[in-house]
C-alpha atoms as a PDB file:
ATOM      1  CA  UNK A   1      -9.246 -17.582 -29.575  1.00  0.00           C
ATOM      2  CA  UNK A   2      -5.951 -18.538 -31.184  1.00  0.00           C
ATOM      3  CA  UNK A   3      -4.869 -17.641 -34.671  1.00  0.00           C
ATOM      4  CA  UNK A   4      -3.470 -20.332 -36.976  1.00  0.00           C
ATOM      5  CA  UNK A   5       0.215 -20.160 -37.759  1.00  0.00           C
ATOM      6  CA  UNK A   6       0.456 -19.245 -41.426  1.00  0.00           C
ATOM      7  CA  UNK A   7       3.916 -18.673 -42.826  1.00  0.00           C
ATOM      8  CA  UNK A   8       4.698 -16.256 -45.623  1.00  0.00           C
ATOM      9  CA  UNK A   9       5.993 -17.868 -48.819  1.00  0.00           C
ATOM     10  CA  UNK A  10       9.643 -17.038 -48.079  1.00  0.00           C
ATOM     11  CA  UNK A  11       9.293 -18.407 -44.529  1.00  0.00           C
ATOM     12  CA  UNK A  12       7.752 -21.657 -45.766  1.00  0.00           C
ATOM     13  CA  UNK A  13      10.484 -21.980 -48.392  1.00  0.00           C
ATOM     14  CA  UNK A  14      13.154 -21.357 -45.743  1.00  0.00           C
ATOM     15  CA  UNK A  15      11.650 -23.982 -43.445  1.00  0.00           C
ATOM     16  CA  UNK A  16      11.447 -26.493 -46.268  1.00  0.00           C
ATOM     17  CA  UNK A  17      15.142 -25.841 -46.974  1.00  0.00           C
ATOM     18  CA  UNK A  18      15.895 -26.492 -43.288  1.00  0.00           C
ATOM     19  CA  UNK A  19      13.878 -29.737 -43.367  1.00  0.00           C
ATOM     20  CA  UNK A  20      15.723 -30.815 -46.514  1.00  0.00           C
ATOM     21  CA  UNK A  21      19.083 -30.269 -44.783  1.00  0.00           C
ATOM     22  CA  UNK A  22      17.859 -32.338 -41.819  1.00  0.00           C
ATOM     23  CA  UNK A  23      16.769 -35.139 -44.201  1.00  0.00           C
ATOM     24  CA  UNK A  24      20.271 -35.005 -45.722  1.00  0.00           C
ATOM     25  CA  UNK A  25      21.685 -35.664 -42.247  1.00  0.00           C
ATOM     26  CA  UNK A  26      22.807 -32.176 -41.234  1.00  0.00           C
ATOM     27  CA  UNK A  27      22.499 -31.524 -37.485  1.00  0.00           C
ATOM     28  CA  UNK A  28      23.694 -27.899 -37.225  1.00  0.00           C
ATOM     29  CA  UNK A  29      21.814 -25.344 -39.299  1.00  0.00           C
ATOM     30  CA  UNK A  30      21.627 -21.538 -39.281  1.00  0.00           C
ATOM     31  CA  UNK A  31      18.360 -19.923 -40.344  1.00  0.00           C
ATOM     32  CA  UNK A  32      19.294 -16.392 -41.237  1.00  0.00           C
ATOM     33  CA  UNK A  33      16.910 -13.546 -42.032  1.00  0.00           C
ATOM     34  CA  UNK A  34      16.666  -9.799 -41.525  1.00  0.00           C
ATOM     35  CA  UNK A  35      15.320  -8.355 -38.295  1.00  0.00           C
ATOM     36  CA  UNK A  36      11.528  -8.503 -38.378  1.00  0.00           C
ATOM     37  CA  UNK A  37      11.367 -11.207 -41.048  1.00  0.00           C
ATOM     38  CA  UNK A  38       9.649 -13.702 -38.753  1.00  0.00           C
ATOM     39  CA  UNK A  39      12.418 -16.098 -37.751  1.00  0.00           C
ATOM     40  CA  UNK A  40      10.629 -16.772 -34.455  1.00  0.00           C
ATOM     41  CA  UNK A  41       7.483 -17.757 -36.358  1.00  0.00           C
ATOM     42  CA  UNK A  42       9.597 -20.062 -38.500  1.00  0.00           C
ATOM     43  CA  UNK A  43      11.088 -21.610 -35.363  1.00  0.00           C
ATOM     44  CA  UNK A  44       7.618 -22.074 -33.888  1.00  0.00           C
ATOM     45  CA  UNK A  45       6.469 -23.836 -37.064  1.00  0.00           C
ATOM     46  CA  UNK A  46       9.465 -26.168 -36.928  1.00  0.00           C
ATOM     47  CA  UNK A  47       8.885 -26.917 -33.229  1.00  0.00           C
ATOM     48  CA  UNK A  48       5.169 -27.498 -33.788  1.00  0.00           C
ATOM     49  CA  UNK A  49       5.928 -30.041 -36.518  1.00  0.00           C
ATOM     50  CA  UNK A  50       8.486 -31.784 -34.304  1.00  0.00           C
ATOM     51  CA  UNK A  51       6.038 -31.846 -31.382  1.00  0.00           C
ATOM     52  CA  UNK A  52       3.370 -33.404 -33.620  1.00  0.00           C
ATOM     53  CA  UNK A  53       5.843 -36.295 -34.057  1.00  0.00           C
ATOM     54  CA  UNK A  54       6.170 -36.571 -30.237  1.00  0.00           C
ATOM     55  CA  UNK A  55       9.625 -34.969 -30.206  1.00  0.00           C
ATOM     56  CA  UNK A  56      10.701 -32.747 -27.320  1.00  0.00           C
ATOM     57  CA  UNK A  57      12.069 -29.372 -28.351  1.00  0.00           C
ATOM     58  CA  UNK A  58      13.713 -26.401 -26.670  1.00  0.00           C
ATOM     59  CA  UNK A  59      13.694 -22.784 -27.856  1.00  0.00           C
ATOM     60  CA  UNK A  60      16.626 -21.113 -26.098  1.00  0.00           C
ATOM     61  CA  UNK A  61      16.578 -17.336 -25.535  1.00  0.00           C
ATOM     62  CA  UNK A  62      19.346 -15.137 -24.173  1.00  0.00           C
ATOM     63  CA  UNK A  63      17.045 -12.473 -22.653  1.00  0.00           C
ATOM     64  CA  UNK A  64      13.966 -12.555 -20.415  1.00  0.00           C
ATOM     65  CA  UNK A  65      12.082 -10.246 -22.789  1.00  0.00           C
ATOM     66  CA  UNK A  66      12.541 -12.798 -25.593  1.00  0.00           C
ATOM     67  CA  UNK A  67      11.230 -15.610 -23.386  1.00  0.00           C
ATOM     68  CA  UNK A  68       8.019 -13.708 -22.710  1.00  0.00           C
ATOM     69  CA  UNK A  69       7.747 -12.585 -26.347  1.00  0.00           C
ATOM     70  CA  UNK A  70       8.168 -16.152 -27.640  1.00  0.00           C
ATOM     71  CA  UNK A  71       5.705 -17.485 -25.062  1.00  0.00           C
ATOM     72  CA  UNK A  72       3.147 -14.922 -26.197  1.00  0.00           C
ATOM     73  CA  UNK A  73       3.571 -15.925 -29.838  1.00  0.00           C
ATOM     74  CA  UNK A  74       3.062 -19.580 -28.882  1.00  0.00           C
ATOM     75  CA  UNK A  75      -0.043 -18.576 -26.913  1.00  0.00           C
ATOM     76  CA  UNK A  76      -1.320 -16.537 -29.861  1.00  0.00           C
ATOM     77  CA  UNK A  77      -1.220 -19.720 -31.943  1.00  0.00           C
ATOM     78  CA  UNK A  78      -2.692 -21.920 -29.198  1.00  0.00           C
ATOM     79  CA  UNK A  79       0.490 -23.986 -28.856  1.00  0.00           C
ATOM     80  CA  UNK A  80       1.024 -25.631 -25.473  1.00  0.00           C
ATOM     81  CA  UNK A  81       4.467 -25.062 -23.983  1.00  0.00           C
ATOM     82  CA  UNK A  82       6.428 -24.695 -20.782  1.00  0.00           C
ATOM     83  CA  UNK A  83       9.063 -22.193 -19.707  1.00  0.00           C
ATOM     84  CA  UNK A  84      12.356 -23.069 -18.071  1.00  0.00           C
ATOM     85  CA  UNK A  85      13.349 -19.927 -16.224  1.00  0.00           C
ATOM     86  CA  UNK A  86      13.871 -19.334 -12.517  1.00  0.00           C
ATOM     87  CA  UNK A  87      10.526 -18.700 -10.827  1.00  0.00           C
ATOM     88  CA  UNK A  88       8.514 -18.495 -14.052  1.00  0.00           C
ATOM     89  CA  UNK A  89       4.766 -19.066 -13.616  1.00  0.00           C
ATOM     90  CA  UNK A  90       4.651 -21.293 -16.702  1.00  0.00           C
ATOM     91  CA  UNK A  91       6.915 -24.049 -15.377  1.00  0.00           C
ATOM     92  CA  UNK A  92       5.529 -27.112 -17.194  1.00  0.00           C
ATOM     93  CA  UNK A  93       8.360 -29.589 -17.676  1.00  0.00           C
ATOM     94  CA  UNK A  94       5.988 -32.182 -19.180  1.00  0.00           C
ATOM     95  CA  UNK A  95       5.248 -30.099 -22.304  1.00  0.00           C
ATOM     96  CA  UNK A  96       7.013 -31.150 -25.520  1.00  0.00           C
ATOM     97  CA  UNK A  97       7.873 -27.537 -26.360  1.00  0.00           C
ATOM     98  CA  UNK A  98       9.961 -25.592 -23.844  1.00  0.00           C
ATOM     99  CA  UNK A  99      11.024 -21.953 -24.020  1.00  0.00           C
ATOM    100  CA  UNK A 100      14.267 -21.745 -22.087  1.00  0.00           C
ATOM    101  CA  UNK A 101      16.433 -19.077 -20.535  1.00  0.00           C
ATOM    102  CA  UNK A 102      20.070 -19.636 -21.483  1.00  0.00           C
ATOM    103  CA  UNK A 103      21.079 -18.402 -18.033  1.00  0.00           C
ATOM    104  CA  UNK A 104      18.771 -20.847 -16.213  1.00  0.00           C
ATOM    105  CA  UNK A 105      19.979 -23.711 -18.390  1.00  0.00           C
ATOM    106  CA  UNK A 106      23.555 -22.808 -17.454  1.00  0.00           C
ATOM    107  CA  UNK A 107      22.639 -23.429 -13.808  1.00  0.00           C
ATOM    108  CA  UNK A 108      20.118 -26.279 -14.101  1.00  0.00           C
ATOM    109  CA  UNK A 109      21.134 -28.058 -17.275  1.00  0.00           C
ATOM    110  CA  UNK A 110      18.783 -29.222 -19.979  1.00  0.00           C
ATOM    111  CA  UNK A 111      16.806 -32.379 -20.677  1.00  0.00           C
ATOM    112  CA  UNK A 112      18.796 -34.927 -22.607  1.00  0.00           C
ATOM    113  CA  UNK A 113      15.761 -36.415 -24.371  1.00  0.00           C
ATOM    114  CA  UNK A 114      15.525 -33.475 -26.758  1.00  0.00           C
ATOM    115  CA  UNK A 115      15.335 -34.071 -30.492  1.00  0.00           C
ATOM    116  CA  UNK A 116      15.513 -30.413 -31.503  1.00  0.00           C
ATOM    117  CA  UNK A 117      17.047 -27.232 -30.116  1.00  0.00           C
ATOM    118  CA  UNK A 118      16.374 -23.827 -31.611  1.00  0.00           C
ATOM    119  CA  UNK A 119      18.699 -21.086 -30.427  1.00  0.00           C
ATOM    120  CA  UNK A 120      17.325 -17.572 -30.815  1.00  0.00           C
ATOM    121  CA  UNK A 121      19.943 -14.875 -31.410  1.00  0.00           C
ATOM    122  CA  UNK A 122      22.406 -17.690 -32.139  1.00  0.00           C
ATOM    123  CA  UNK A 123      25.281 -15.236 -32.485  1.00  0.00           C
ATOM    124  CA  UNK A 124      25.155 -14.778 -28.668  1.00  0.00           C
ATOM    125  CA  UNK A 125      25.696 -18.408 -27.649  1.00  0.00           C
ATOM    126  CA  UNK A 126      26.565 -19.094 -24.029  1.00  0.00           C
ATOM    127  CA  UNK A 127      29.433 -21.476 -23.284  1.00  0.00           C
ATOM    128  CA  UNK A 128      27.115 -23.885 -21.454  1.00  0.00           C
ATOM    129  CA  UNK A 129      24.721 -23.998 -24.426  1.00  0.00           C
ATOM    130  CA  UNK A 130      27.595 -24.593 -26.835  1.00  0.00           C
ATOM    131  CA  UNK A 131      29.042 -27.277 -24.553  1.00  0.00           C
ATOM    132  CA  UNK A 132      25.680 -29.087 -24.388  1.00  0.00           C
ATOM    133  CA  UNK A 133      25.221 -28.931 -28.168  1.00  0.00           C
ATOM    134  CA  UNK A 134      28.716 -30.307 -28.778  1.00  0.00           C
ATOM    135  CA  UNK A 135      28.186 -33.089 -26.218  1.00  0.00           C
ATOM    136  CA  UNK A 136      24.962 -34.183 -27.957  1.00  0.00           C
ATOM    137  CA  UNK A 137      25.745 -34.425 -31.670  1.00  0.00           C
ATOM    138  CA  UNK A 138      22.503 -36.299 -32.465  1.00  0.00           C
ATOM    139  CA  UNK A 139      20.243 -33.407 -31.423  1.00  0.00           C
ATOM    140  CA  UNK A 140      19.316 -31.231 -34.379  1.00  0.00           C
ATOM    141  CA  UNK A 141      20.229 -27.630 -33.568  1.00  0.00           C
ATOM    142  CA  UNK A 142      18.931 -24.668 -35.529  1.00  0.00           C
ATOM    143  CA  UNK A 143      20.319 -21.212 -34.866  1.00  0.00           C
ATOM    144  CA  UNK A 144      18.213 -18.150 -35.659  1.00  0.00           C
ATOM    145  CA  UNK A 145      20.043 -14.919 -36.375  1.00  0.00           C
ATOM    146  CA  UNK A 146      19.946 -11.749 -38.423  1.00  0.00           C
ATOM    147  CA  UNK A 147      23.700 -11.358 -37.877  1.00  0.00           C
ATOM    148  CA  UNK A 148      25.374 -14.792 -37.856  1.00  0.00           C
ATOM    149  CA  UNK A 149      28.876 -13.430 -38.558  1.00  0.00           C
END
């Protein structure tokens, strides 16, 4: 049985601030919080809301452990998703929410029909991820980081 995604007050306030920036027309946003503050949960909430509006989203991770960790959190909340990583058992390209390996995306590329990209550990961007983001200025990109500078 899945548990509902319930954000803490500061997480909900942070997500509302992100949504406000998007409404103002901003396309590149950093969501910064201390380690353990629940940035992944915030990202999941944002993706879930985008998916409810039929938007395709990608959550990009720089390490395999983070892909599995994020997938588990999505499972815990009963949120359908696919994983884009070489040989991963959860390859489901039809799902609106995708958890992606930055390394696999560097080799395979990424779907161009995305409306939202969330980059976990945004301070460790790969050149191919940065290049894709810059080439697609209409895709909203949110970076998650405890150490953005």
